[in-house]
Amino acid sequence: MEISWGRAMWRNFLGQSPDWYKLALLGFLIITPFIFLANPFIAGWLLVAEFIFTLAMALK
């Protein structure tokens, strides 16, 4: 059975990570530029929080 291109990309994105973690990181990547356009100061602190979240979940 041949796997679709989209499914192959999803499986290869972050390897064996759980789906909720993949969705969280994709959400961060999508939301952060819009928040930066609205308020760069808040976006900077959000980026720090996202980084800490990513490190904490990587250690889990």
PDB file of N, CA and C in Angstrom:
ATOM      1  N   MET A   1       0.830  -1.177   0.000  1.00  0.00           N
ATOM      2  CA  MET A   1       0.000   0.000   0.000  1.00  0.00           C
ATOM      3  C   MET A   1       0.882   1.249   0.000  1.00  0.00           C
ATOM      4  N   GLU A   2       0.577   2.153  -0.870  1.00  0.00           N
ATOM      5  CA  GLU A   2       1.359   3.374  -0.995  1.00  0.00           C
ATOM      6  C   GLU A   2       0.834   4.433  -0.026  1.00  0.00           C
ATOM      7  N   ILE A   3       1.754   5.107   0.645  1.00  0.00           N
ATOM      8  CA  ILE A   3       1.368   6.131   1.621  1.00  0.00           C
ATOM      9  C   ILE A   3       1.294   7.490   0.921  1.00  0.00           C
ATOM     10  N   SER A   4       0.327   8.313   1.322  1.00  0.00           N
ATOM     11  CA  SER A   4       0.168   9.620   0.684  1.00  0.00           C
ATOM     12  C   SER A   4       1.302  10.556   1.112  1.00  0.00           C
ATOM     13  N   TRP A   5       1.498  11.595   0.317  1.00  0.00           N
ATOM     14  CA  TRP A   5       2.559  12.557   0.582  1.00  0.00           C
ATOM     15  C   TRP A   5       2.330  13.265   1.918  1.00  0.00           C
ATOM     16  N   GLY A   6       1.103  13.672   2.173  1.00  0.00           N
ATOM     17  CA  GLY A   6       0.782  14.360   3.419  1.00  0.00           C
ATOM     18  C   GLY A   6       1.000  13.483   4.639  1.00  0.00           C
ATOM     19  N   ARG A   7       0.593  12.232   4.541  1.00  0.00           N
ATOM     20  CA  ARG A   7       0.768  11.291   5.660  1.00  0.00           C
ATOM     21  C   ARG A   7       2.253  11.020   5.906  1.00  0.00           C
ATOM     22  N   ALA A   8       3.031  10.918   4.833  1.00  0.00           N
ATOM     23  CA  ALA A   8       4.470  10.702   4.979  1.00  0.00           C
ATOM     24  C   ALA A   8       5.130  11.899   5.659  1.00  0.00           C
ATOM     25  N   MET A   9       4.715  13.110   5.297  1.00  0.00           N
ATOM     26  CA  MET A   9       5.259  14.311   5.932  1.00  0.00           C
ATOM     27  C   MET A   9       4.910  14.337   7.421  1.00  0.00           C
ATOM     28  N   TRP A  10       3.657  13.990   7.753  1.00  0.00           N
ATOM     29  CA  TRP A  10       3.227  13.998   9.152  1.00  0.00           C
ATOM     30  C   TRP A  10       4.005  12.975   9.974  1.00  0.00           C
ATOM     31  N   ARG A  11       4.228  11.795   9.417  1.00  0.00           N
ATOM     32  CA  ARG A  11       4.970  10.755  10.148  1.00  0.00           C
ATOM     33  C   ARG A  11       6.433  11.136  10.335  1.00  0.00           C
ATOM     34  N   ASN A  12       7.022  11.826   9.356  1.00  0.00           N
ATOM     35  CA  ASN A  12       8.428  12.203   9.445  1.00  0.00           C
ATOM     36  C   ASN A  12       8.655  13.462  10.271  1.00  0.00           C
ATOM     37  N   PHE A  13       7.625  14.284  10.447  1.00  0.00           N
ATOM     38  CA  PHE A  13       7.750  15.516  11.221  1.00  0.00           C
ATOM     39  C   PHE A  13       7.920  15.174  12.699  1.00  0.00           C
ATOM     40  N   LEU A  14       9.075  15.455  13.249  1.00  0.00           N
ATOM     41  CA  LEU A  14       9.422  15.184  14.649  1.00  0.00           C
ATOM     42  C   LEU A  14       9.413  13.700  15.016  1.00  0.00           C
ATOM     43  N   GLY A  15       9.515  12.840  14.049  1.00  0.00           N
ATOM     44  CA  GLY A  15       9.690  11.413  14.308  1.00  0.00           C
ATOM     45  C   GLY A  15       8.579  10.765  15.108  1.00  0.00           C
ATOM     46  N   GLN A  16       8.934  10.146  16.237  1.00  0.00           N
ATOM     47  CA  GLN A  16       7.986   9.379  17.047  1.00  0.00           C
ATOM     48  C   GLN A  16       7.271  10.221  18.103  1.00  0.00           C
ATOM     49  N   SER A  17       7.322  11.533  17.982  1.00  0.00           N
ATOM     50  CA  SER A  17       6.649  12.407  18.960  1.00  0.00           C
ATOM     51  C   SER A  17       5.144  12.196  18.908  1.00  0.00           C
ATOM     52  N   PRO A  18       4.460  12.399  20.037  1.00  0.00           N
ATOM     53  CA  PRO A  18       2.996  12.268  20.037  1.00  0.00           C
ATOM     54  C   PRO A  18       2.343  13.352  19.177  1.00  0.00           C
ATOM     55  N   ASP A  19       1.157  13.044  18.688  1.00  0.00           N
ATOM     56  CA  ASP A  19       0.463  13.977  17.801  1.00  0.00           C
ATOM     57  C   ASP A  19       0.161  15.307  18.481  1.00  0.00           C
ATOM     58  N   TRP A  20      -0.182  15.301  19.779  1.00  0.00           N
ATOM     59  CA  TRP A  20      -0.495  16.559  20.455  1.00  0.00           C
ATOM     60  C   TRP A  20       0.725  17.475  20.494  1.00  0.00           C
ATOM     61  N   TYR A  21       1.926  16.905  20.606  1.00  0.00           N
ATOM     62  CA  TYR A  21       3.158  17.697  20.625  1.00  0.00           C
ATOM     63  C   TYR A  21       3.421  18.295  19.245  1.00  0.00           C
ATOM     64  N   LYS A  22       3.211  17.494  18.210  1.00  0.00           N
ATOM     65  CA  LYS A  22       3.380  17.995  16.847  1.00  0.00           C
ATOM     66  C   LYS A  22       2.410  19.139  16.567  1.00  0.00           C
ATOM     67  N   LEU A  23       1.152  18.979  16.991  1.00  0.00           N
ATOM     68  CA  LEU A  23       0.152  20.024  16.780  1.00  0.00           C
ATOM     69  C   LEU A  23       0.481  21.285  17.571  1.00  0.00           C
ATOM     70  N   ALA A  24       1.004  21.119  18.778  1.00  0.00           N
ATOM     71  CA  ALA A  24       1.380  22.283  19.585  1.00  0.00           C
ATOM     72  C   ALA A  24       2.483  23.079  18.898  1.00  0.00           C
ATOM     73  N   LEU A  25       3.495  22.396  18.390  1.00  0.00           N
ATOM     74  CA  LEU A  25       4.585  23.099  17.717  1.00  0.00           C
ATOM     75  C   LEU A  25       4.120  23.755  16.421  1.00  0.00           C
ATOM     76  N   LEU A  26       3.268  23.084  15.675  1.00  0.00           N
ATOM     77  CA  LEU A  26       2.725  23.703  14.464  1.00  0.00           C
ATOM     78  C   LEU A  26       1.882  24.924  14.813  1.00  0.00           C
ATOM     79  N   GLY A  27       1.119  24.825  15.885  1.00  0.00           N
ATOM     80  CA  GLY A  27       0.334  25.975  16.336  1.00  0.00           C
ATOM     81  C   GLY A  27       1.227  27.147  16.708  1.00  0.00           C
ATOM     82  N   PHE A  28       2.326  26.869  17.406  1.00  0.00           N
ATOM     83  CA  PHE A  28       3.273  27.931  17.746  1.00  0.00           C
ATOM     84  C   PHE A  28       3.822  28.589  16.484  1.00  0.00           C
ATOM     85  N   LEU A  29       4.182  27.778  15.503  1.00  0.00           N
ATOM     86  CA  LEU A  29       4.751  28.313  14.266  1.00  0.00           C
ATOM     87  C   LEU A  29       3.757  29.167  13.488  1.00  0.00           C
ATOM     88  N   ILE A  30       2.482  28.844  13.588  1.00  0.00           N
ATOM     89  CA  ILE A  30       1.457  29.594  12.857  1.00  0.00           C
ATOM     90  C   ILE A  30       1.053  30.864  13.608  1.00  0.00           C
ATOM     91  N   ILE A  31       0.894  30.773  14.929  1.00  0.00           N
ATOM     92  CA  ILE A  31       0.369  31.893  15.714  1.00  0.00           C
ATOM     93  C   ILE A  31       1.410  32.987  15.972  1.00  0.00           C
ATOM     94  N   THR A  32       2.652  32.626  16.197  1.00  0.00           N
ATOM     95  CA  THR A  32       3.671  33.592  16.602  1.00  0.00           C
ATOM     96  C   THR A  32       3.838  34.765  15.629  1.00  0.00           C
ATOM     97  N   PRO A  33       3.899  34.565  14.316  1.00  0.00           N
ATOM     98  CA  PRO A  33       4.045  35.735  13.428  1.00  0.00           C
ATOM     99  C   PRO A  33       2.876  36.715  13.521  1.00  0.00           C
ATOM    100  N   PHE A  34       1.664  36.206  13.716  1.00  0.00           N
ATOM    101  CA  PHE A  34       0.506  37.094  13.830  1.00  0.00           C
ATOM    102  C   PHE A  34       0.560  37.899  15.128  1.00  0.00           C
ATOM    103  N   ILE A  35       0.984  37.262  16.197  1.00  0.00           N
ATOM    104  CA  ILE A  35       1.125  37.985  17.461  1.00  0.00           C
ATOM    105  C   ILE A  35       2.246  39.012  17.349  1.00  0.00           C
ATOM    106  N   PHE A  36       3.298  38.673  16.618  1.00  0.00           N
ATOM    107  CA  PHE A  36       4.391  39.622  16.414  1.00  0.00           C
ATOM    108  C   PHE A  36       3.911  40.862  15.670  1.00  0.00           C
ATOM    109  N   LEU A  37       3.041  40.685  14.694  1.00  0.00           N
ATOM    110  CA  LEU A  37       2.508  41.836  13.964  1.00  0.00           C
ATOM    111  C   LEU A  37       1.657  42.721  14.874  1.00  0.00           C
ATOM    112  N   ALA A  38       0.958  42.120  15.818  1.00  0.00           N
ATOM    113  CA  ALA A  38       0.095  42.877  16.717  1.00  0.00           C
ATOM    114  C   ALA A  38       0.898  43.551  17.832  1.00  0.00           C
ATOM    115  N   ASN A  39       1.835  42.816  18.437  1.00  0.00           N
ATOM    116  CA  ASN A  39       2.590  43.356  19.566  1.00  0.00           C
ATOM    117  C   ASN A  39       3.918  42.609  19.688  1.00  0.00           C
ATOM    118  N   PRO A  40       4.999  43.177  19.174  1.00  0.00           N
ATOM    119  CA  PRO A  40       6.294  42.488  19.210  1.00  0.00           C
ATOM    120  C   PRO A  40       6.796  42.179  20.623  1.00  0.00           C
ATOM    121  N   PHE A  41       6.481  43.026  21.591  1.00  0.00           N
ATOM    122  CA  PHE A  41       6.930  42.780  22.965  1.00  0.00           C
ATOM    123  C   PHE A  41       6.319  41.490  23.513  1.00  0.00           C
ATOM    124  N   ILE A  42       5.023  41.333  23.343  1.00  0.00           N
ATOM    125  CA  ILE A  42       4.334  40.121  23.807  1.00  0.00           C
ATOM    126  C   ILE A  42       4.835  38.908  23.032  1.00  0.00           C
ATOM    127  N   ALA A  43       5.070  39.078  21.737  1.00  0.00           N
ATOM    128  CA  ALA A  43       5.557  37.970  20.915  1.00  0.00           C
ATOM    129  C   ALA A  43       6.928  37.497  21.389  1.00  0.00           C
ATOM    130  N   GLY A  44       7.759  38.414  21.835  1.00  0.00           N
ATOM    131  CA  GLY A  44       9.074  38.039  22.355  1.00  0.00           C
ATOM    132  C   GLY A  44       8.968  37.166  23.592  1.00  0.00           C
ATOM    133  N   TRP A  45       8.096  37.558  24.517  1.00  0.00           N
ATOM    134  CA  TRP A  45       7.903  36.755  25.724  1.00  0.00           C
ATOM    135  C   TRP A  45       7.226  35.428  25.410  1.00  0.00           C
ATOM    136  N   LEU A  46       6.321  35.443  24.444  1.00  0.00           N
ATOM    137  CA  LEU A  46       5.680  34.194  24.030  1.00  0.00           C
ATOM    138  C   LEU A  46       6.713  33.237  23.442  1.00  0.00           C
ATOM    139  N   LEU A  47       7.657  33.776  22.690  1.00  0.00           N
ATOM    140  CA  LEU A  47       8.716  32.951  22.117  1.00  0.00           C
ATOM    141  C   LEU A  47       9.554  32.298  23.217  1.00  0.00           C
ATOM    142  N   VAL A  48       9.839  33.049  24.278  1.00  0.00           N
ATOM    143  CA  VAL A  48      10.577  32.484  25.415  1.00  0.00           C
ATOM    144  C   VAL A  48       9.770  31.352  26.054  1.00  0.00           C
ATOM    145  N   ALA A  49       8.471  31.569  26.252  1.00  0.00           N
ATOM    146  CA  ALA A  49       7.609  30.538  26.843  1.00  0.00           C
ATOM    147  C   ALA A  49       7.526  29.302  25.948  1.00  0.00           C
ATOM    148  N   GLU A  50       7.437  29.509  24.640  1.00  0.00           N
ATOM    149  CA  GLU A  50       7.393  28.383  23.702  1.00  0.00           C
ATOM    150  C   GLU A  50       8.689  27.584  23.761  1.00  0.00           C
ATOM    151  N   PHE A  51       9.805  28.285  23.864  1.00  0.00           N
ATOM    152  CA  PHE A  51      11.099  27.621  23.940  1.00  0.00           C
ATOM    153  C   PHE A  51      11.200  26.770  25.206  1.00  0.00           C
ATOM    154  N   ILE A  52      10.771  27.322  26.334  1.00  0.00           N
ATOM    155  CA  ILE A  52      10.798  26.575  27.595  1.00  0.00           C
ATOM    156  C   ILE A  52       9.871  25.368  27.517  1.00  0.00           C
ATOM    157  N   PHE A  53       8.683  25.546  26.933  1.00  0.00           N
ATOM    158  CA  PHE A  53       7.748  24.432  26.754  1.00  0.00           C
ATOM    159  C   PHE A  53       8.382  23.334  25.904  1.00  0.00           C
ATOM    160  N   THR A  54       9.021  23.724  24.809  1.00  0.00           N
ATOM    161  CA  THR A  54       9.645  22.751  23.914  1.00  0.00           C
ATOM    162  C   THR A  54      10.751  21.976  24.634  1.00  0.00           C
ATOM    163  N   LEU A  55      11.582  22.674  25.389  1.00  0.00           N
ATOM    164  CA  LEU A  55      12.643  21.991  26.135  1.00  0.00           C
ATOM    165  C   LEU A  55      12.074  21.054  27.196  1.00  0.00           C
ATOM    166  N   ALA A  56      11.067  21.514  27.909  1.00  0.00           N
ATOM    167  CA  ALA A  56      10.471  20.683  28.963  1.00  0.00           C
ATOM    168  C   ALA A  56       9.849  19.418  28.384  1.00  0.00           C
ATOM    169  N   MET A  57       9.166  19.529  27.277  1.00  0.00           N
ATOM    170  CA  MET A  57       8.522  18.361  26.677  1.00  0.00           C
ATOM    171  C   MET A  57       9.544  17.430  26.033  1.00  0.00           C
ATOM    172  N   ALA A  58      10.666  17.968  25.583  1.00  0.00           N
ATOM    173  CA  ALA A  58      11.707  17.118  25.002  1.00  0.00           C
ATOM    174  C   ALA A  58      12.351  16.242  26.079  1.00  0.00           C
ATOM    175  N   LEU A  59      12.375  16.730  27.306  1.00  0.00           N
ATOM    176  CA  LEU A  59      12.956  15.950  28.399  1.00  0.00           C
ATOM    177  C   LEU A  59      12.002  14.910  28.948  1.00  0.00           C
ATOM    178  N   LYS A  60      10.727  15.047  28.633  1.00  0.00           N
ATOM    179  CA  LYS A  60       9.714  14.133  29.160  1.00  0.00           C
ATOM    180  C   LYS A  60       9.917  12.723  28.659  1.00  0.00           C
TER     181      LYS A  60
END
